[in-house]
Each structure stands twice: as C-alpha cells, then as structure tokens.
Amino acid sequence: MTVDKYVRLFAGLMILLSIALTHYVHPYWVGLTIFVGLNLAQSGLTNICPLASILKKLGVPEGTPCS
C-alpha cells in the first residue's frame, strides 16, 4: 500500500470511529469528526499532511493518487 491509500484509510476509519463514539459514548466526540474534516480540508488546500509525513519517514512507499 502507498502513503495516499494509508491516509485515506486512516481518515475514513477515524471518521467512522468518531461517529460511533458520538452515538454510543458522548455527543462531544463529534469534535473528532470536525478535527478530521478540517485536517482533510487543510491538507487539500495546502498539500501538507502530518500523517503522510510520518508515513514517509517510516518508509512507506509513495505512489500516484488513486493508483
């Protein structure tokens, strides 16, 4: 798997987790959903993604988006 696939997988899982936590634990967990959404938006605008940087340093191969 490539960095792009890991980032999309992680973001999707975090959103699903935060929705489940919001429903079953406490409504304030919606803040995690908002944080992930804002991070995705800033990453799309600035092309800077903290998770991608970490994955690259760990040696995950880069690939073309949606390949």
PDB file of N, CA and C in Angstrom:
ATOM      1  N   MET A   1       0.849  -1.183   0.000  1.00  0.00           N
ATOM      2  CA  MET A   1       0.000   0.000   0.000  1.00  0.00           C
ATOM      3  C   MET A   1       0.889   1.239   0.000  1.00  0.00           C
ATOM      4  N   THR A   2       0.330   2.304  -0.514  1.00  0.00           N
ATOM      5  CA  THR A   2       1.085   3.555  -0.609  1.00  0.00           C
ATOM      6  C   THR A   2       0.632   4.541   0.463  1.00  0.00           C
ATOM      7  N   VAL A   3       1.370   5.641   0.557  1.00  0.00           N
ATOM      8  CA  VAL A   3       1.064   6.674   1.543  1.00  0.00           C
ATOM      9  C   VAL A   3      -0.355   7.195   1.343  1.00  0.00           C
ATOM     10  N   ASP A   4      -0.740   7.468   0.099  1.00  0.00           N
ATOM     11  CA  ASP A   4      -2.072   8.009  -0.165  1.00  0.00           C
ATOM     12  C   ASP A   4      -3.181   7.070   0.300  1.00  0.00           C
ATOM     13  N   LYS A   5      -2.987   5.787   0.062  1.00  0.00           N
ATOM     14  CA  LYS A   5      -4.006   4.815   0.476  1.00  0.00           C
ATOM     15  C   LYS A   5      -4.098   4.726   2.002  1.00  0.00           C
ATOM     16  N   TYR A   6      -2.943   4.756   2.665  1.00  0.00           N
ATOM     17  CA  TYR A   6      -2.957   4.728   4.135  1.00  0.00           C
ATOM     18  C   TYR A   6      -3.645   5.967   4.706  1.00  0.00           C
ATOM     19  N   VAL A   7      -3.390   7.123   4.116  1.00  0.00           N
ATOM     20  CA  VAL A   7      -4.004   8.362   4.609  1.00  0.00           C
ATOM     21  C   VAL A   7      -5.516   8.299   4.447  1.00  0.00           C
ATOM     22  N   ARG A   8      -5.983   7.878   3.290  1.00  0.00           N
ATOM     23  CA  ARG A   8      -7.436   7.788   3.073  1.00  0.00           C
ATOM     24  C   ARG A   8      -8.074   6.749   3.985  1.00  0.00           C
ATOM     25  N   LEU A   9      -7.413   5.599   4.155  1.00  0.00           N
ATOM     26  CA  LEU A   9      -7.921   4.557   5.043  1.00  0.00           C
ATOM     27  C   LEU A   9      -8.006   5.056   6.477  1.00  0.00           C
ATOM     28  N   PHE A  10      -6.941   5.699   6.957  1.00  0.00           N
ATOM     29  CA  PHE A  10      -6.907   6.202   8.330  1.00  0.00           C
ATOM     30  C   PHE A  10      -7.983   7.267   8.550  1.00  0.00           C
ATOM     31  N   ALA A  11      -8.127   8.191   7.602  1.00  0.00           N
ATOM     32  CA  ALA A  11      -9.136   9.247   7.742  1.00  0.00           C
ATOM     33  C   ALA A  11     -10.542   8.652   7.780  1.00  0.00           C
ATOM     34  N   GLY A  12     -10.809   7.706   6.916  1.00  0.00           N
ATOM     35  CA  GLY A  12     -12.125   7.073   6.910  1.00  0.00           C
ATOM     36  C   GLY A  12     -12.419   6.327   8.196  1.00  0.00           C
ATOM     37  N   LEU A  13     -11.430   5.595   8.688  1.00  0.00           N
ATOM     38  CA  LEU A  13     -11.626   4.861   9.938  1.00  0.00           C
ATOM     39  C   LEU A  13     -11.807   5.802  11.123  1.00  0.00           C
ATOM     40  N   MET A  14     -11.073   6.907  11.133  1.00  0.00           N
ATOM     41  CA  MET A  14     -11.220   7.877  12.228  1.00  0.00           C
ATOM     42  C   MET A  14     -12.607   8.509  12.216  1.00  0.00           C
ATOM     43  N   ILE A  15     -13.137   8.799  11.041  1.00  0.00           N
ATOM     44  CA  ILE A  15     -14.481   9.377  10.955  1.00  0.00           C
ATOM     45  C   ILE A  15     -15.515   8.366  11.437  1.00  0.00           C
ATOM     46  N   LEU A  16     -15.392   7.110  11.000  1.00  0.00           N
ATOM     47  CA  LEU A  16     -16.342   6.083  11.459  1.00  0.00           C
ATOM     48  C   LEU A  16     -16.244   5.861  12.968  1.00  0.00           C
ATOM     49  N   LEU A  17     -15.012   5.850  13.494  1.00  0.00           N
ATOM     50  CA  LEU A  17     -14.823   5.690  14.935  1.00  0.00           C
ATOM     51  C   LEU A  17     -15.442   6.847  15.702  1.00  0.00           C
ATOM     52  N   SER A  18     -15.240   8.059  15.224  1.00  0.00           N
ATOM     53  CA  SER A  18     -15.769   9.216  15.943  1.00  0.00           C
ATOM     54  C   SER A  18     -17.298   9.265  15.893  1.00  0.00           C
ATOM     55  N   ILE A  19     -17.874   8.816  14.795  1.00  0.00           N
ATOM     56  CA  ILE A  19     -19.339   8.757  14.725  1.00  0.00           C
ATOM     57  C   ILE A  19     -19.868   7.732  15.720  1.00  0.00           C
ATOM     58  N   ALA A  20     -19.207   6.576  15.814  1.00  0.00           N
ATOM     59  CA  ALA A  20     -19.630   5.555  16.779  1.00  0.00           C
ATOM     60  C   ALA A  20     -19.475   6.065  18.209  1.00  0.00           C
ATOM     61  N   LEU A  21     -18.361   6.725  18.510  1.00  0.00           N
ATOM     62  CA  LEU A  21     -18.155   7.271  19.850  1.00  0.00           C
ATOM     63  C   LEU A  21     -19.183   8.356  20.169  1.00  0.00           C
ATOM     64  N   THR A  22     -19.514   9.178  19.175  1.00  0.00           N
ATOM     65  CA  THR A  22     -20.532  10.212  19.381  1.00  0.00           C
ATOM     66  C   THR A  22     -21.877   9.587  19.713  1.00  0.00           C
ATOM     67  N   HIS A  23     -22.203   8.516  19.026  1.00  0.00           N
ATOM     68  CA  HIS A  23     -23.507   7.879  19.229  1.00  0.00           C
ATOM     69  C   HIS A  23     -23.574   7.104  20.552  1.00  0.00           C
ATOM     70  N   TYR A  24     -22.526   6.344  20.855  1.00  0.00           N
ATOM     71  CA  TYR A  24     -22.582   5.437  21.997  1.00  0.00           C
ATOM     72  C   TYR A  24     -21.976   5.976  23.286  1.00  0.00           C
ATOM     73  N   VAL A  25     -21.050   6.944  23.203  1.00  0.00           N
ATOM     74  CA  VAL A  25     -20.353   7.381  24.410  1.00  0.00           C
ATOM     75  C   VAL A  25     -20.809   8.771  24.837  1.00  0.00           C
ATOM     76  N   HIS A  26     -20.533   9.787  24.010  1.00  0.00           N
ATOM     77  CA  HIS A  26     -20.871  11.160  24.382  1.00  0.00           C
ATOM     78  C   HIS A  26     -20.921  12.017  23.126  1.00  0.00           C
ATOM     79  N   PRO A  27     -21.889  12.933  23.055  1.00  0.00           N
ATOM     80  CA  PRO A  27     -22.022  13.771  21.858  1.00  0.00           C
ATOM     81  C   PRO A  27     -20.810  14.647  21.561  1.00  0.00           C
ATOM     82  N   TYR A  28     -19.982  14.936  22.548  1.00  0.00           N
ATOM     83  CA  TYR A  28     -18.819  15.791  22.303  1.00  0.00           C
ATOM     84  C   TYR A  28     -17.752  15.120  21.442  1.00  0.00           C
ATOM     85  N   TRP A  29     -17.847  13.812  21.226  1.00  0.00           N
ATOM     86  CA  TRP A  29     -16.913  13.140  20.333  1.00  0.00           C
ATOM     87  C   TRP A  29     -17.069  13.618  18.892  1.00  0.00           C
ATOM     88  N   VAL A  30     -18.125  14.341  18.605  1.00  0.00           N
ATOM     89  CA  VAL A  30     -18.281  14.908  17.264  1.00  0.00           C
ATOM     90  C   VAL A  30     -17.119  15.854  16.948  1.00  0.00           C
ATOM     91  N   GLY A  31     -16.457  16.351  17.978  1.00  0.00           N
ATOM     92  CA  GLY A  31     -15.286  17.202  17.777  1.00  0.00           C
ATOM     93  C   GLY A  31     -14.177  16.477  17.023  1.00  0.00           C
ATOM     94  N   LEU A  32     -14.038  15.169  17.239  1.00  0.00           N
ATOM     95  CA  LEU A  32     -13.046  14.402  16.496  1.00  0.00           C
ATOM     96  C   LEU A  32     -13.392  14.363  15.010  1.00  0.00           C
ATOM     97  N   THR A  33     -14.667  14.219  14.697  1.00  0.00           N
ATOM     98  CA  THR A  33     -15.102  14.248  13.301  1.00  0.00           C
ATOM     99  C   THR A  33     -14.779  15.596  12.680  1.00  0.00           C
ATOM    100  N   ILE A  34     -15.041  16.656  13.421  1.00  0.00           N
ATOM    101  CA  ILE A  34     -14.753  18.008  12.920  1.00  0.00           C
ATOM    102  C   ILE A  34     -13.253  18.183  12.706  1.00  0.00           C
ATOM    103  N   PHE A  35     -12.441  17.708  13.656  1.00  0.00           N
ATOM    104  CA  PHE A  35     -10.993  17.816  13.528  1.00  0.00           C
ATOM    105  C   PHE A  35     -10.475  17.080  12.291  1.00  0.00           C
ATOM    106  N   VAL A  36     -10.957  15.865  12.067  1.00  0.00           N
ATOM    107  CA  VAL A  36     -10.520  15.089  10.908  1.00  0.00           C
ATOM    108  C   VAL A  36     -10.953  15.791   9.612  1.00  0.00           C
ATOM    109  N   GLY A  37     -12.176  16.305   9.592  1.00  0.00           N
ATOM    110  CA  GLY A  37     -12.650  17.021   8.409  1.00  0.00           C
ATOM    111  C   GLY A  37     -11.843  18.269   8.118  1.00  0.00           C
ATOM    112  N   LEU A  38     -11.534  19.028   9.162  1.00  0.00           N
ATOM    113  CA  LEU A  38     -10.717  20.232   8.974  1.00  0.00           C
ATOM    114  C   LEU A  38      -9.306  19.888   8.512  1.00  0.00           C
ATOM    115  N   ASN A  39      -8.750  18.810   9.060  1.00  0.00           N
ATOM    116  CA  ASN A  39      -7.423  18.388   8.647  1.00  0.00           C
ATOM    117  C   ASN A  39      -7.425  17.949   7.181  1.00  0.00           C
ATOM    118  N   LEU A  40      -8.465  17.253   6.751  1.00  0.00           N
ATOM    119  CA  LEU A  40      -8.565  16.860   5.349  1.00  0.00           C
ATOM    120  C   LEU A  40      -8.691  18.090   4.447  1.00  0.00           C
ATOM    121  N   ALA A  41      -9.467  19.069   4.881  1.00  0.00           N
ATOM    122  CA  ALA A  41      -9.647  20.287   4.085  1.00  0.00           C
ATOM    123  C   ALA A  41      -8.335  21.064   3.974  1.00  0.00           C
ATOM    124  N   GLN A  42      -7.624  21.258   5.087  1.00  0.00           N
ATOM    125  CA  GLN A  42      -6.363  21.998   5.020  1.00  0.00           C
ATOM    126  C   GLN A  42      -5.335  21.222   4.215  1.00  0.00           C
ATOM    127  N   SER A  43      -5.358  19.907   4.291  1.00  0.00           N
ATOM    128  CA  SER A  43      -4.429  19.103   3.506  1.00  0.00           C
ATOM    129  C   SER A  43      -4.704  19.256   2.012  1.00  0.00           C
ATOM    130  N   GLY A  44      -5.958  19.332   1.656  1.00  0.00           N
ATOM    131  CA  GLY A  44      -6.306  19.535   0.259  1.00  0.00           C
ATOM    132  C   GLY A  44      -5.916  20.909  -0.251  1.00  0.00           C
ATOM    133  N   LEU A  45      -5.978  21.908   0.619  1.00  0.00           N
ATOM    134  CA  LEU A  45      -5.639  23.276   0.212  1.00  0.00           C
ATOM    135  C   LEU A  45      -4.145  23.548   0.228  1.00  0.00           C
ATOM    136  N   THR A  46      -3.433  22.997   1.208  1.00  0.00           N
ATOM    137  CA  THR A  46      -2.020  23.333   1.376  1.00  0.00           C
ATOM    138  C   THR A  46      -1.073  22.234   0.927  1.00  0.00           C
ATOM    139  N   ASN A  47      -1.608  21.039   0.668  1.00  0.00           N
ATOM    140  CA  ASN A  47      -0.805  19.883   0.285  1.00  0.00           C
ATOM    141  C   ASN A  47       0.189  19.496   1.385  1.00  0.00           C
ATOM    142  N   ILE A  48      -0.157  19.777   2.640  1.00  0.00           N
ATOM    143  CA  ILE A  48       0.653  19.386   3.796  1.00  0.00           C
ATOM    144  C   ILE A  48      -0.187  18.443   4.659  1.00  0.00           C
ATOM    145  N   CYS A  49       0.307  17.234   4.849  1.00  0.00           N
ATOM    146  CA  CYS A  49      -0.424  16.246   5.641  1.00  0.00           C
ATOM    147  C   CYS A  49       0.522  15.643   6.672  1.00  0.00           C
ATOM    148  N   PRO A  50       0.253  15.856   7.959  1.00  0.00           N
ATOM    149  CA  PRO A  50       1.134  15.322   9.004  1.00  0.00           C
ATOM    150  C   PRO A  50       1.259  13.797   8.953  1.00  0.00           C
ATOM    151  N   LEU A  51       0.169  13.093   8.722  1.00  0.00           N
ATOM    152  CA  LEU A  51       0.216  11.634   8.671  1.00  0.00           C
ATOM    153  C   LEU A  51       1.066  11.169   7.491  1.00  0.00           C
ATOM    154  N   ALA A  52       0.933  11.813   6.348  1.00  0.00           N
ATOM    155  CA  ALA A  52       1.744  11.438   5.188  1.00  0.00           C
ATOM    156  C   ALA A  52       3.225  11.643   5.472  1.00  0.00           C
ATOM    157  N   SER A  53       3.564  12.715   6.158  1.00  0.00           N
ATOM    158  CA  SER A  53       4.970  12.967   6.510  1.00  0.00           C
ATOM    159  C   SER A  53       5.506  11.873   7.418  1.00  0.00           C
ATOM    160  N   ILE A  54       4.705  11.460   8.387  1.00  0.00           N
ATOM    161  CA  ILE A  54       5.121  10.398   9.310  1.00  0.00           C
ATOM    162  C   ILE A  54       5.295   9.078   8.561  1.00  0.00           C
ATOM    163  N   LEU A  55       4.342   8.760   7.685  1.00  0.00           N
ATOM    164  CA  LEU A  55       4.420   7.511   6.938  1.00  0.00           C
ATOM    165  C   LEU A  55       5.634   7.480   6.014  1.00  0.00           C
ATOM    166  N   LYS A  56       5.955   8.609   5.396  1.00  0.00           N
ATOM    167  CA  LYS A  56       7.136   8.681   4.525  1.00  0.00           C
ATOM    168  C   LYS A  56       8.415   8.440   5.323  1.00  0.00           C
ATOM    169  N   LYS A  57       8.486   9.002   6.536  1.00  0.00           N
ATOM    170  CA  LYS A  57       9.664   8.796   7.385  1.00  0.00           C
ATOM    171  C   LYS A  57       9.782   7.344   7.842  1.00  0.00           C
ATOM    172  N   LEU A  58       8.639   6.652   7.924  1.00  0.00           N
ATOM    173  CA  LEU A  58       8.642   5.241   8.305  1.00  0.00           C
ATOM    174  C   LEU A  58       8.957   4.320   7.134  1.00  0.00           C
ATOM    175  N   GLY A  59       9.096   4.898   5.944  1.00  0.00           N
ATOM    176  CA  GLY A  59       9.490   4.113   4.783  1.00  0.00           C
ATOM    177  C   GLY A  59       8.362   3.569   3.938  1.00  0.00           C
ATOM    178  N   VAL A  60       7.148   4.054   4.130  1.00  0.00           N
ATOM    179  CA  VAL A  60       6.029   3.618   3.293  1.00  0.00           C
ATOM    180  C   VAL A  60       6.238   4.202   1.902  1.00  0.00           C
ATOM    181  N   PRO A  61       6.088   3.394   0.854  1.00  0.00           N
ATOM    182  CA  PRO A  61       6.333   3.898  -0.488  1.00  0.00           C
ATOM    183  C   PRO A  61       5.291   4.912  -0.940  1.00  0.00           C
ATOM    184  N   GLU A  62       5.766   5.903  -1.683  1.00  0.00           N
ATOM    185  CA  GLU A  62       4.850   6.886  -2.265  1.00  0.00           C
ATOM    186  C   GLU A  62       4.338   6.330  -3.579  1.00  0.00           C
ATOM    187  N   GLY A  63       3.149   6.711  -3.931  1.00  0.00           N
ATOM    188  CA  GLY A  63       2.564   6.293  -5.194  1.00  0.00           C
ATOM    189  C   GLY A  63       1.722   7.406  -5.759  1.00  0.00           C
ATOM    190  N   THR A  64       1.216   7.195  -6.930  1.00  0.00           N
ATOM    191  CA  THR A  64       0.343   8.198  -7.520  1.00  0.00           C
ATOM    192  C   THR A  64      -1.040   8.068  -6.878  1.00  0.00           C
ATOM    193  N   PRO A  65      -1.730   9.181  -6.691  1.00  0.00           N
ATOM    194  CA  PRO A  65      -3.059   9.124  -6.086  1.00  0.00           C
ATOM    195  C   PRO A  65      -4.008   8.264  -6.917  1.00  0.00           C
ATOM    196  N   CYS A  66      -4.787   7.473  -6.220  1.00  0.00           N
ATOM    197  CA  CYS A  66      -5.825   6.633  -6.832  1.00  0.00           C
ATOM    198  C   CYS A  66      -5.237   5.634  -7.814  1.00  0.00           C
ATOM    199  N   SER A  67      -4.030   5.131  -7.546  1.00  0.00           N
ATOM    200  CA  SER A  67      -3.456   4.122  -8.438  1.00  0.00           C
ATOM    201  C   SER A  67      -3.638   2.743  -7.849  1.00  0.00           C
TER     202      SER A  67
END
